[in-house]
Amino acid sequence: MADNMFFSRDTNFLVEIGSDRWAIPILDGFSFSQATNTTEVTLNEMADTSGNSRRGRKLFTDSYAPAEWSFSTYARPFKSAGSGSGAANDTANSHHAVEEVLWAMMAGPATYASHDFTGFTRDTTDLDISFANSNKVTLATANFYFQLGGDGETATVYKLTGCVVNEASVDFDIDGIATINWSGFGGMITEVAAFPTATVTEGQAHTDTGNFIRNRLTQLAISTADDHLLAAGESADGDSDAETYSLTLTGGNVTISNNITFLIPETLGVVNQPLGHVTGTRSVSGSFTCYLNNATDGSMDLFERIIEDTDTITNKFDLTFKIGGTSAP
């Protein structure tokens, strides 16, 4: 019998919440895996009268570790055509994103009703995603499906149950396309017979090329709060105003993490399976690079005022990354 080889390029990916399914194009480099937790029992005895010693060892499987998954998507916002399937079929010219179900899972319960998610506000100008619903002990979960081998007869489908989004990292290098690296955990990995049919697909066909974001157009504005990062010659007397620095970037990254921990029972005599997740402290971090220039309120002024500000204990900034420029999407 001939071996069947699976090529990454033939992979399809789908997210399932209830009866709704989102087909999301992913990039090469995806991964999903699951390990087991084991306990090793050993015997170490001194010698008997004949100089013999038992040197025994046995390995026990305690439980399955949570499944771990990661993949990347392009950031692909689009305006609905007012026709199609699922969420994209609500209002013409309302803003959507191909990967929006993942943002809904990252930012809260991902409750889907009336063709929209809780915490999403759409109009013809933009899509706003609120994280106000994410201050919970647990976040939304979904089933992930990876179909290896495309739609051929030899296709193999793996299902990851109870998946949760732990981290989203947005990368924008100067010569690339804006990319989001997603990672998280799941319950169990199983092989299933068939790949489900997607119900939400608009905006991601191979002919839809207008919703890719070119990083070379990215801009950054940094606004300081009152009495933070004072301008040259100012004193911390309560009279300083907020200041805005405009930078031209050469690259950057923004990472949002839920710092999730998965809980696993420890009952003796059985192989335990992952129970569920709990959220940790939310963290948002990142970095950006730019050329040093002496423009007014440019990178040199920002750098100078940061390193010369030896008195401010807590620095606060509003960072506005206009990835791909100011036009929307």
C-alpha atoms as a PDB file:
ATOM      1  CA  MET A   1       0.000   0.000   0.000  1.00  0.00           C
ATOM      2  CA  ALA A   2       1.413   3.394  -1.008  1.00  0.00           C
ATOM      3  CA  ASP A   3       2.189   6.009   1.605  1.00  0.00           C
ATOM      4  CA  ASN A   4       0.005   9.113   1.653  1.00  0.00           C
ATOM      5  CA  MET A   5       1.954  12.348   2.002  1.00  0.00           C
ATOM      6  CA  PHE A   6       0.286  15.476   3.362  1.00  0.00           C
ATOM      7  CA  PHE A   7       1.406  18.894   2.190  1.00  0.00           C
ATOM      8  CA  SER A   8       0.956  21.977   4.362  1.00  0.00           C
ATOM      9  CA  ARG A   9      -0.336  23.891   1.374  1.00  0.00           C
ATOM     10  CA  ASP A  10      -3.400  21.616   1.220  1.00  0.00           C
ATOM     11  CA  THR A  11      -4.460  22.329   4.806  1.00  0.00           C
ATOM     12  CA  ASN A  12      -7.873  23.813   5.626  1.00  0.00           C
ATOM     13  CA  PHE A  13      -8.820  25.289   9.008  1.00  0.00           C
ATOM     14  CA  LEU A  14     -12.199  25.913  10.615  1.00  0.00           C
ATOM     15  CA  VAL A  15     -13.510  27.300  13.928  1.00  0.00           C
ATOM     16  CA  GLU A  16     -16.794  25.962  15.306  1.00  0.00           C
ATOM     17  CA  ILE A  17     -18.945  27.608  17.994  1.00  0.00           C
ATOM     18  CA  GLY A  18     -22.292  25.899  18.341  1.00  0.00           C
ATOM     19  CA  SER A  19     -23.792  25.551  14.866  1.00  0.00           C
ATOM     20  CA  ASP A  20     -21.741  28.415  13.386  1.00  0.00           C
ATOM     21  CA  ARG A  21     -18.475  27.685  11.593  1.00  0.00           C
ATOM     22  CA  TRP A  22     -15.848  30.129  10.334  1.00  0.00           C
ATOM     23  CA  ALA A  23     -13.395  29.105   7.624  1.00  0.00           C
ATOM     24  CA  ILE A  24     -10.134  30.984   8.195  1.00  0.00           C
ATOM     25  CA  PRO A  25      -7.124  30.845   5.852  1.00  0.00           C
ATOM     26  CA  ILE A  26      -3.943  30.148   7.835  1.00  0.00           C
ATOM     27  CA  LEU A  27      -0.276  30.375   6.874  1.00  0.00           C
ATOM     28  CA  ASP A  28       2.453  27.783   6.697  1.00  0.00           C
ATOM     29  CA  GLY A  29       4.046  26.963  10.054  1.00  0.00           C
ATOM     30  CA  PHE A  30       0.890  25.941  11.929  1.00  0.00           C
ATOM     31  CA  SER A  31       1.185  23.318  14.656  1.00  0.00           C
ATOM     32  CA  PHE A  32      -0.951  21.360  17.121  1.00  0.00           C
ATOM     33  CA  SER A  33       0.236  18.758  19.602  1.00  0.00           C
ATOM     34  CA  GLN A  34      -0.621  16.962  22.823  1.00  0.00           C
ATOM     35  CA  ALA A  35       1.686  15.322  25.340  1.00  0.00           C
ATOM     36  CA  THR A  36       1.122  13.100  28.376  1.00  0.00           C
ATOM     37  CA  ASN A  37       2.137  13.733  31.978  1.00  0.00           C
ATOM     38  CA  THR A  38       3.966  10.800  33.538  1.00  0.00           C
ATOM     39  CA  THR A  39       5.353   9.740  36.904  1.00  0.00           C
ATOM     40  CA  GLU A  40       8.471   7.615  37.272  1.00  0.00           C
ATOM     41  CA  VAL A  41       8.801   5.245  40.255  1.00  0.00           C
ATOM     42  CA  THR A  42      12.267   3.852  41.017  1.00  0.00           C
ATOM     43  CA  LEU A  43      13.876   1.454  43.514  1.00  0.00           C
ATOM     44  CA  ASN A  44      17.251   2.278  45.031  1.00  0.00           C
ATOM     45  CA  GLU A  45      18.363  -0.233  47.662  1.00  0.00           C
ATOM     46  CA  MET A  46      21.596  -0.992  49.394  1.00  0.00           C
ATOM     47  CA  ALA A  47      23.263  -4.346  48.749  1.00  0.00           C
ATOM     48  CA  ASP A  48      22.218  -7.601  50.422  1.00  0.00           C
ATOM     49  CA  THR A  49      24.683 -10.110  51.870  1.00  0.00           C
ATOM     50  CA  SER A  50      25.436 -11.372  48.369  1.00  0.00           C
ATOM     51  CA  GLY A  51      26.119  -7.905  47.014  1.00  0.00           C
ATOM     52  CA  ASN A  52      22.902  -7.742  44.988  1.00  0.00           C
ATOM     53  CA  SER A  53      20.624  -4.673  44.714  1.00  0.00           C
ATOM     54  CA  ARG A  54      17.239  -4.203  43.104  1.00  0.00           C
ATOM     55  CA  ARG A  55      17.345  -1.447  40.512  1.00  0.00           C
ATOM     56  CA  GLY A  56      13.715  -1.211  39.431  1.00  0.00           C
ATOM     57  CA  ARG A  57      11.929   1.461  37.413  1.00  0.00           C
ATOM     58  CA  LYS A  58       8.356   1.863  36.188  1.00  0.00           C
ATOM     59  CA  LEU A  59       6.684   4.704  34.323  1.00  0.00           C
ATOM     60  CA  PHE A  60       3.009   5.583  34.890  1.00  0.00           C
ATOM     61  CA  THR A  61       0.855   7.785  32.642  1.00  0.00           C
ATOM     62  CA  ASP A  62      -1.016  10.219  34.898  1.00  0.00           C
ATOM     63  CA  SER A  63      -2.882  12.457  32.482  1.00  0.00           C
ATOM     64  CA  TYR A  64      -3.021  14.151  29.136  1.00  0.00           C
ATOM     65  CA  ALA A  65      -1.493  17.596  29.015  1.00  0.00           C
ATOM     66  CA  PRO A  66      -3.696  20.244  27.372  1.00  0.00           C
ATOM     67  CA  ALA A  67      -3.412  20.359  23.618  1.00  0.00           C
ATOM     68  CA  GLU A  68      -1.275  23.216  22.342  1.00  0.00           C
ATOM     69  CA  TRP A  69      -1.870  24.929  19.026  1.00  0.00           C
ATOM     70  CA  SER A  70      -0.487  27.852  17.075  1.00  0.00           C
ATOM     71  CA  PHE A  71      -0.909  29.321  13.615  1.00  0.00           C
ATOM     72  CA  SER A  72      -0.700  32.635  11.802  1.00  0.00           C
ATOM     73  CA  THR A  73      -3.239  34.574   9.778  1.00  0.00           C
ATOM     74  CA  TYR A  74      -3.091  37.753   7.787  1.00  0.00           C
ATOM     75  CA  ALA A  75      -4.985  40.697   9.266  1.00  0.00           C
ATOM     76  CA  ARG A  76      -7.789  40.984   6.715  1.00  0.00           C
ATOM     77  CA  PRO A  77     -10.505  43.584   7.371  1.00  0.00           C
ATOM     78  CA  PHE A  78     -13.212  44.048   4.767  1.00  0.00           C
ATOM     79  CA  LYS A  79     -16.534  45.722   4.157  1.00  0.00           C
ATOM     80  CA  SER A  80     -19.478  43.385   3.811  1.00  0.00           C
ATOM     81  CA  ALA A  81     -21.114  43.155   0.426  1.00  0.00           C
ATOM     82  CA  GLY A  82     -24.442  42.721   2.177  1.00  0.00           C
ATOM     83  CA  SER A  83     -24.709  39.258   0.716  1.00  0.00           C
ATOM     84  CA  GLY A  84     -22.986  36.008   1.430  1.00  0.00           C
ATOM     85  CA  SER A  85     -23.178  33.787   4.456  1.00  0.00           C
ATOM     86  CA  GLY A  86     -23.196  34.148   8.235  1.00  0.00           C
ATOM     87  CA  ALA A  87     -21.982  37.339   9.889  1.00  0.00           C
ATOM     88  CA  ALA A  88     -20.991  38.896   6.585  1.00  0.00           C
ATOM     89  CA  ASN A  89     -24.624  38.922   5.483  1.00  0.00           C
ATOM     90  CA  ASP A  90     -25.954  41.568   7.908  1.00  0.00           C
ATOM     91  CA  THR A  91     -25.462  45.108   6.576  1.00  0.00           C
ATOM     92  CA  ALA A  92     -23.768  46.241   3.397  1.00  0.00           C
ATOM     93  CA  ASN A  93     -20.488  48.144   3.934  1.00  0.00           C
ATOM     94  CA  SER A  94     -20.289  47.232   7.630  1.00  0.00           C
ATOM     95  CA  HIS A  95     -16.735  46.443   8.640  1.00  0.00           C
ATOM     96  CA  HIS A  96     -15.709  42.849   9.343  1.00  0.00           C
ATOM     97  CA  ALA A  97     -12.496  40.849   9.596  1.00  0.00           C
ATOM     98  CA  VAL A  98     -11.832  37.373   8.274  1.00  0.00           C
ATOM     99  CA  GLU A  99     -10.266  36.428  11.635  1.00  0.00           C
ATOM    100  CA  GLU A 100     -12.872  38.204  13.792  1.00  0.00           C
ATOM    101  CA  VAL A 101     -14.070  35.029  15.558  1.00  0.00           C
ATOM    102  CA  LEU A 102     -10.571  34.656  17.034  1.00  0.00           C
ATOM    103  CA  TRP A 103     -10.680  38.246  18.323  1.00  0.00           C
ATOM    104  CA  ALA A 104     -14.098  37.488  19.823  1.00  0.00           C
ATOM    105  CA  MET A 105     -12.593  34.504  21.661  1.00  0.00           C
ATOM    106  CA  MET A 106      -9.612  36.554  22.814  1.00  0.00           C
ATOM    107  CA  ALA A 107     -11.726  39.449  24.086  1.00  0.00           C
ATOM    108  CA  GLY A 108     -14.626  37.750  25.851  1.00  0.00           C
ATOM    109  CA  PRO A 109     -17.412  35.207  25.617  1.00  0.00           C
ATOM    110  CA  ALA A 110     -17.667  35.193  21.791  1.00  0.00           C
ATOM    111  CA  THR A 111     -21.443  35.089  22.142  1.00  0.00           C
ATOM    112  CA  TYR A 112     -22.824  35.093  18.615  1.00  0.00           C
ATOM    113  CA  ALA A 113     -26.345  36.400  18.086  1.00  0.00           C
ATOM    114  CA  SER A 114     -28.078  38.327  15.301  1.00  0.00           C
ATOM    115  CA  HIS A 115     -25.025  37.872  13.084  1.00  0.00           C
ATOM    116  CA  ASP A 116     -22.662  39.587  15.501  1.00  0.00           C
ATOM    117  CA  PHE A 117     -20.457  39.086  18.554  1.00  0.00           C
ATOM    118  CA  THR A 118     -20.848  40.539  22.022  1.00  0.00           C
ATOM    119  CA  GLY A 119     -18.578  43.564  22.387  1.00  0.00           C
ATOM    120  CA  PHE A 120     -18.338  44.275  18.645  1.00  0.00           C
ATOM    121  CA  THR A 121     -19.527  47.625  17.280  1.00  0.00           C
ATOM    122  CA  ARG A 122     -19.699  47.898  13.495  1.00  0.00           C
ATOM    123  CA  ASP A 123     -20.521  50.677  11.092  1.00  0.00           C
ATOM    124  CA  THR A 124     -19.375  51.905   7.701  1.00  0.00           C
ATOM    125  CA  THR A 125     -16.301  53.538   9.264  1.00  0.00           C
ATOM    126  CA  ASP A 126     -14.680  50.792  11.321  1.00  0.00           C
ATOM    127  CA  LEU A 127     -15.028  47.775  13.584  1.00  0.00           C
ATOM    128  CA  ASP A 128     -14.468  48.388  17.307  1.00  0.00           C
ATOM    129  CA  ILE A 129     -13.690  45.412  19.553  1.00  0.00           C
ATOM    130  CA  SER A 130     -14.216  45.991  23.265  1.00  0.00           C
ATOM    131  CA  PHE A 131     -12.266  44.003  25.864  1.00  0.00           C
ATOM    132  CA  ALA A 132     -14.753  45.012  28.595  1.00  0.00           C
ATOM    133  CA  ASN A 133     -16.220  41.491  28.585  1.00  0.00           C
ATOM    134  CA  SER A 134     -12.861  39.761  29.032  1.00  0.00           C
ATOM    135  CA  ASN A 135     -12.506  40.306  32.798  1.00  0.00           C
ATOM    136  CA  LYS A 136     -13.761  36.801  33.464  1.00  0.00           C
ATOM    137  CA  VAL A 137     -12.371  33.654  35.034  1.00  0.00           C
ATOM    138  CA  THR A 138     -12.963  31.770  31.779  1.00  0.00           C
ATOM    139  CA  LEU A 139     -13.240  32.910  28.176  1.00  0.00           C
ATOM    140  CA  ALA A 140     -14.998  31.530  25.122  1.00  0.00           C
ATOM    141  CA  THR A 141     -14.034  28.115  23.805  1.00  0.00           C
ATOM    142  CA  ALA A 142     -14.476  26.615  20.361  1.00  0.00           C
ATOM    143  CA  ASN A 143     -13.718  23.471  18.407  1.00  0.00           C
ATOM    144  CA  PHE A 144     -10.881  23.732  15.897  1.00  0.00           C
ATOM    145  CA  TYR A 145     -10.664  21.508  12.827  1.00  0.00           C
ATOM    146  CA  PHE A 146      -7.523  20.948  10.746  1.00  0.00           C
ATOM    147  CA  GLN A 147      -8.050  19.156   7.454  1.00  0.00           C
ATOM    148  CA  LEU A 148      -4.793  17.754   6.100  1.00  0.00           C
ATOM    149  CA  GLY A 149      -4.632  16.743   2.464  1.00  0.00           C
ATOM    150  CA  GLY A 150      -7.198  19.164   1.082  1.00  0.00           C
ATOM    151  CA  ASP A 151     -10.480  17.779  -0.201  1.00  0.00           C
ATOM    152  CA  GLY A 152      -9.059  14.570  -1.646  1.00  0.00           C
ATOM    153  CA  GLU A 153     -10.022  11.035  -0.739  1.00  0.00           C
ATOM    154  CA  THR A 154      -6.963  10.721   1.504  1.00  0.00           C
ATOM    155  CA  ALA A 155      -7.756  13.805   3.582  1.00  0.00           C
ATOM    156  CA  THR A 156      -7.371  13.429   7.357  1.00  0.00           C
ATOM    157  CA  VAL A 157      -9.293  15.669   9.768  1.00  0.00           C
ATOM    158  CA  TYR A 158      -8.230  16.384  13.349  1.00  0.00           C
ATOM    159  CA  LYS A 159     -10.561  18.003  15.873  1.00  0.00           C
ATOM    160  CA  LEU A 160      -9.302  19.993  18.873  1.00  0.00           C
ATOM    161  CA  THR A 161     -12.085  20.363  21.437  1.00  0.00           C
ATOM    162  CA  GLY A 162     -12.526  23.216  23.907  1.00  0.00           C
ATOM    163  CA  CYS A 163      -9.886  25.500  22.393  1.00  0.00           C
ATOM    164  CA  VAL A 164      -9.178  28.865  23.993  1.00  0.00           C
ATOM    165  CA  VAL A 165      -7.116  31.771  22.624  1.00  0.00           C
ATOM    166  CA  ASN A 166      -4.239  32.598  24.940  1.00  0.00           C
ATOM    167  CA  GLU A 167      -2.164  35.016  22.880  1.00  0.00           C
ATOM    168  CA  ALA A 168      -2.355  37.165  19.768  1.00  0.00           C
ATOM    169  CA  SER A 169       0.785  38.799  18.439  1.00  0.00           C
ATOM    170  CA  VAL A 170       0.547  41.334  15.608  1.00  0.00           C
ATOM    171  CA  ASP A 171       3.750  41.673  13.555  1.00  0.00           C
ATOM    172  CA  PHE A 172       4.372  44.387  10.985  1.00  0.00           C
ATOM    173  CA  ASP A 173       7.756  44.446   9.278  1.00  0.00           C
ATOM    174  CA  ILE A 174       8.434  47.074   6.640  1.00  0.00           C
ATOM    175  CA  ASP A 175       8.350  44.858   3.555  1.00  0.00           C
ATOM    176  CA  GLY A 176       5.642  42.415   4.609  1.00  0.00           C
ATOM    177  CA  ILE A 177       1.917  42.035   5.101  1.00  0.00           C
ATOM    178  CA  ALA A 178       0.416  42.526   8.573  1.00  0.00           C
ATOM    179  CA  THR A 179       0.342  39.115  10.265  1.00  0.00           C
ATOM    180  CA  ILE A 180      -1.278  37.901  13.493  1.00  0.00           C
ATOM    181  CA  ASN A 181       0.305  34.952  15.309  1.00  0.00           C
ATOM    182  CA  TRP A 182      -2.310  33.091  17.366  1.00  0.00           C
ATOM    183  CA  SER A 183      -1.648  30.494  20.062  1.00  0.00           C
ATOM    184  CA  GLY A 184      -3.539  28.781  22.852  1.00  0.00           C
ATOM    185  CA  PHE A 185      -4.709  25.544  24.407  1.00  0.00           C
ATOM    186  CA  GLY A 186      -7.383  22.918  23.918  1.00  0.00           C
ATOM    187  CA  GLY A 187      -8.859  19.829  25.516  1.00  0.00           C
ATOM    188  CA  MET A 188      -8.270  16.689  23.444  1.00  0.00           C
ATOM    189  CA  ILE A 189      -7.144  15.981  19.899  1.00  0.00           C
ATOM    190  CA  THR A 190      -9.164  13.354  18.028  1.00  0.00           C
ATOM    191  CA  GLU A 191      -9.430  12.208  14.433  1.00  0.00           C
ATOM    192  CA  VAL A 192     -12.880  12.642  12.912  1.00  0.00           C
ATOM    193  CA  ALA A 193     -14.452  11.348   9.730  1.00  0.00           C
ATOM    194  CA  ALA A 194     -15.310  14.563   7.917  1.00  0.00           C
ATOM    195  CA  PHE A 195     -14.461  18.257   7.723  1.00  0.00           C
ATOM    196  CA  PRO A 196     -17.528  20.378   8.606  1.00  0.00           C
ATOM    197  CA  THR A 197     -19.015  22.817   6.126  1.00  0.00           C
ATOM    198  CA  ALA A 198     -18.268  26.473   6.844  1.00  0.00           C
ATOM    199  CA  THR A 199     -21.142  28.893   7.321  1.00  0.00           C
ATOM    200  CA  VAL A 200     -19.129  32.164   7.268  1.00  0.00           C
ATOM    201  CA  THR A 201     -16.790  32.687   4.318  1.00  0.00           C
ATOM    202  CA  GLU A 202     -17.127  36.193   2.852  1.00  0.00           C
ATOM    203  CA  GLY A 203     -13.990  38.319   2.465  1.00  0.00           C
ATOM    204  CA  GLN A 204     -11.431  35.514   2.275  1.00  0.00           C
ATOM    205  CA  ALA A 205     -11.657  34.058  -1.225  1.00  0.00           C
ATOM    206  CA  HIS A 206      -8.487  33.936  -3.292  1.00  0.00           C
ATOM    207  CA  THR A 207      -9.900  36.725  -5.468  1.00  0.00           C
ATOM    208  CA  ASP A 208     -10.372  39.018  -2.440  1.00  0.00           C
ATOM    209  CA  THR A 209      -6.972  40.720  -2.456  1.00  0.00           C
ATOM    210  CA  GLY A 210      -7.994  44.238  -1.510  1.00  0.00           C
ATOM    211  CA  ASN A 211      -8.144  43.528   2.226  1.00  0.00           C
ATOM    212  CA  PHE A 212      -4.473  42.710   2.834  1.00  0.00           C
ATOM    213  CA  ILE A 213      -2.619  45.329   4.875  1.00  0.00           C
ATOM    214  CA  ARG A 214       0.701  46.589   3.547  1.00  0.00           C
ATOM    215  CA  ASN A 215       2.994  47.355   6.456  1.00  0.00           C
ATOM    216  CA  ARG A 216       5.005  50.004   4.630  1.00  0.00           C
ATOM    217  CA  LEU A 217       2.124  52.454   5.146  1.00  0.00           C
ATOM    218  CA  THR A 218       2.118  52.025   8.953  1.00  0.00           C
ATOM    219  CA  GLN A 219       2.285  55.074  11.226  1.00  0.00           C
ATOM    220  CA  LEU A 220       2.603  55.507  14.992  1.00  0.00           C
ATOM    221  CA  ALA A 221       1.409  58.374  17.184  1.00  0.00           C
ATOM    222  CA  ILE A 222       2.470  58.517  20.862  1.00  0.00           C
ATOM    223  CA  SER A 223       0.444  60.731  23.187  1.00  0.00           C
ATOM    224  CA  THR A 224       1.626  61.449  26.717  1.00  0.00           C
ATOM    225  CA  ALA A 225      -0.611  62.125  29.679  1.00  0.00           C
ATOM    226  CA  ASP A 226      -0.315  65.398  31.609  1.00  0.00           C
ATOM    227  CA  ASP A 227       2.916  65.676  33.622  1.00  0.00           C
ATOM    228  CA  HIS A 228       4.394  62.587  31.943  1.00  0.00           C
ATOM    229  CA  LEU A 229       7.482  62.765  29.744  1.00  0.00           C
ATOM    230  CA  LEU A 230       7.797  66.545  29.895  1.00  0.00           C
ATOM    231  CA  ALA A 231       8.992  68.550  26.931  1.00  0.00           C
ATOM    232  CA  ALA A 232      12.315  70.329  27.116  1.00  0.00           C
ATOM    233  CA  GLY A 233      12.258  73.247  29.538  1.00  0.00           C
ATOM    234  CA  GLU A 234       9.040  72.195  31.281  1.00  0.00           C
ATOM    235  CA  SER A 235       8.754  71.496  34.983  1.00  0.00           C
ATOM    236  CA  ALA A 236       6.419  69.128  36.773  1.00  0.00           C
ATOM    237  CA  ASP A 237       4.230  71.911  38.142  1.00  0.00           C
ATOM    238  CA  GLY A 238       0.917  70.614  36.901  1.00  0.00           C
ATOM    239  CA  ASP A 239       0.749  73.068  34.000  1.00  0.00           C
ATOM    240  CA  SER A 240       2.190  70.888  31.239  1.00  0.00           C
ATOM    241  CA  ASP A 241      -0.054  69.606  28.498  1.00  0.00           C
ATOM    242  CA  ALA A 242      -0.199  66.229  26.836  1.00  0.00           C
ATOM    243  CA  GLU A 243       2.179  65.976  23.901  1.00  0.00           C
ATOM    244  CA  THR A 244       2.034  63.885  20.741  1.00  0.00           C
ATOM    245  CA  TYR A 245       5.031  62.369  18.982  1.00  0.00           C
ATOM    246  CA  SER A 246       4.730  61.153  15.395  1.00  0.00           C
ATOM    247  CA  LEU A 247       7.099  58.396  14.329  1.00  0.00           C
ATOM    248  CA  THR A 248       7.763  56.694  11.023  1.00  0.00           C
ATOM    249  CA  LEU A 249       8.346  53.026  11.773  1.00  0.00           C
ATOM    250  CA  THR A 250      10.550  50.388  10.199  1.00  0.00           C
ATOM    251  CA  GLY A 251       8.911  47.496  12.072  1.00  0.00           C
ATOM    252  CA  GLY A 252       7.103  46.506  15.221  1.00  0.00           C
ATOM    253  CA  ASN A 253       5.081  44.055  17.257  1.00  0.00           C
ATOM    254  CA  VAL A 254       2.132  44.184  19.660  1.00  0.00           C
ATOM    255  CA  THR A 255       1.338  41.122  21.797  1.00  0.00           C
ATOM    256  CA  ILE A 256      -1.821  40.580  23.859  1.00  0.00           C
ATOM    257  CA  SER A 257      -1.771  37.664  26.301  1.00  0.00           C
ATOM    258  CA  ASN A 258      -4.446  36.222  28.596  1.00  0.00           C
ATOM    259  CA  ASN A 259      -1.844  34.153  30.528  1.00  0.00           C
ATOM    260  CA  ILE A 260      -4.180  31.167  30.658  1.00  0.00           C
ATOM    261  CA  THR A 261      -3.608  28.104  32.850  1.00  0.00           C
ATOM    262  CA  PHE A 262      -5.249  24.736  32.123  1.00  0.00           C
ATOM    263  CA  LEU A 263      -6.520  22.610  35.008  1.00  0.00           C
ATOM    264  CA  ILE A 264      -6.015  18.820  35.026  1.00  0.00           C
ATOM    265  CA  PRO A 265      -7.471  16.424  37.661  1.00  0.00           C
ATOM    266  CA  GLU A 266      -5.110  14.048  39.477  1.00  0.00           C
ATOM    267  CA  THR A 267      -7.288  11.047  40.290  1.00  0.00           C
ATOM    268  CA  LEU A 268      -5.304   7.873  40.974  1.00  0.00           C
ATOM    269  CA  GLY A 269      -5.795   4.800  38.813  1.00  0.00           C
ATOM    270  CA  VAL A 270      -7.043   6.576  35.678  1.00  0.00           C
ATOM    271  CA  VAL A 271      -5.529   8.615  32.848  1.00  0.00           C
ATOM    272  CA  ASN A 272      -6.985  12.052  33.519  1.00  0.00           C
ATOM    273  CA  GLN A 273      -7.994  14.444  30.761  1.00  0.00           C
ATOM    274  CA  PRO A 274      -7.745  18.262  30.763  1.00  0.00           C
ATOM    275  CA  LEU A 275     -10.665  19.822  32.627  1.00  0.00           C
ATOM    276  CA  GLY A 276     -10.710  23.458  31.561  1.00  0.00           C
ATOM    277  CA  HIS A 277      -8.909  26.780  31.720  1.00  0.00           C
ATOM    278  CA  VAL A 278      -8.677  29.814  33.985  1.00  0.00           C
ATOM    279  CA  THR A 279      -7.454  33.241  32.971  1.00  0.00           C
ATOM    280  CA  GLY A 280      -4.470  34.991  34.482  1.00  0.00           C
ATOM    281  CA  THR A 281      -3.323  38.595  34.398  1.00  0.00           C
ATOM    282  CA  ARG A 282      -3.859  40.224  31.014  1.00  0.00           C
ATOM    283  CA  SER A 283      -0.698  41.726  29.574  1.00  0.00           C
ATOM    284  CA  VAL A 284      -0.088  43.877  26.529  1.00  0.00           C
ATOM    285  CA  SER A 285       3.495  44.344  25.407  1.00  0.00           C
ATOM    286  CA  GLY A 286       5.444  45.075  22.282  1.00  0.00           C
ATOM    287  CA  SER A 287       8.234  46.919  20.574  1.00  0.00           C
ATOM    288  CA  PHE A 288       8.818  49.081  17.532  1.00  0.00           C
ATOM    289  CA  THR A 289      11.808  50.334  15.584  1.00  0.00           C
ATOM    290  CA  CYS A 290      12.341  53.569  13.701  1.00  0.00           C
ATOM    291  CA  TYR A 291      15.114  55.760  12.355  1.00  0.00           C
ATOM    292  CA  LEU A 292      16.518  58.488  14.579  1.00  0.00           C
ATOM    293  CA  ASN A 293      15.628  61.913  13.207  1.00  0.00           C
ATOM    294  CA  ASN A 294      15.661  65.457  14.534  1.00  0.00           C
ATOM    295  CA  ALA A 295      12.178  66.480  13.410  1.00  0.00           C
ATOM    296  CA  THR A 296      10.126  68.392  15.963  1.00  0.00           C
ATOM    297  CA  ASP A 297       8.423  65.859  18.264  1.00  0.00           C
ATOM    298  CA  GLY A 298      10.055  63.080  16.290  1.00  0.00           C
ATOM    299  CA  SER A 299      12.055  60.052  17.375  1.00  0.00           C
ATOM    300  CA  MET A 300      15.068  62.033  18.639  1.00  0.00           C
ATOM    301  CA  ASP A 301      12.897  64.244  20.856  1.00  0.00           C
ATOM    302  CA  LEU A 302      11.069  61.200  22.207  1.00  0.00           C
ATOM    303  CA  PHE A 303      14.300  59.323  22.950  1.00  0.00           C
ATOM    304  CA  GLU A 304      15.887  62.353  24.577  1.00  0.00           C
ATOM    305  CA  ARG A 305      12.947  63.068  26.854  1.00  0.00           C
ATOM    306  CA  ILE A 306      12.634  59.427  27.908  1.00  0.00           C
ATOM    307  CA  ILE A 307      16.266  59.056  28.979  1.00  0.00           C
ATOM    308  CA  GLU A 308      16.405  62.506  30.624  1.00  0.00           C
ATOM    309  CA  ASP A 309      13.213  62.022  32.621  1.00  0.00           C
ATOM    310  CA  THR A 310      14.684  60.677  35.867  1.00  0.00           C
ATOM    311  CA  ASP A 311      11.844  61.767  38.158  1.00  0.00           C
ATOM    312  CA  THR A 312       8.694  60.187  36.723  1.00  0.00           C
ATOM    313  CA  ILE A 313       7.880  56.920  38.505  1.00  0.00           C
ATOM    314  CA  THR A 314       4.975  55.816  36.308  1.00  0.00           C
ATOM    315  CA  ASN A 315       5.048  56.640  32.618  1.00  0.00           C
ATOM    316  CA  LYS A 316       1.771  56.537  30.718  1.00  0.00           C
ATOM    317  CA  PHE A 317       1.332  56.704  26.963  1.00  0.00           C
ATOM    318  CA  ASP A 318      -1.426  56.282  24.418  1.00  0.00           C
ATOM    319  CA  LEU A 319      -0.009  54.439  21.394  1.00  0.00           C
ATOM    320  CA  THR A 320      -1.989  54.567  18.161  1.00  0.00           C
ATOM    321  CA  PHE A 321      -0.656  52.161  15.526  1.00  0.00           C
ATOM    322  CA  LYS A 322      -2.189  52.926  12.129  1.00  0.00           C
ATOM    323  CA  ILE A 323      -1.132  49.677  10.490  1.00  0.00           C
ATOM    324  CA  GLY A 324      -1.400  50.034   6.752  1.00  0.00           C
ATOM    325  CA  GLY A 325      -2.111  53.778   6.918  1.00  0.00           C
ATOM    326  CA  THR A 326      -5.076  55.881   7.945  1.00  0.00           C
ATOM    327  CA  SER A 327      -7.653  54.536   5.471  1.00  0.00           C
ATOM    328  CA  ALA A 328     -10.030  51.818   6.628  1.00  0.00           C
ATOM    329  CA  PRO A 329     -10.031  48.948   6.198  1.00  0.00           C
END
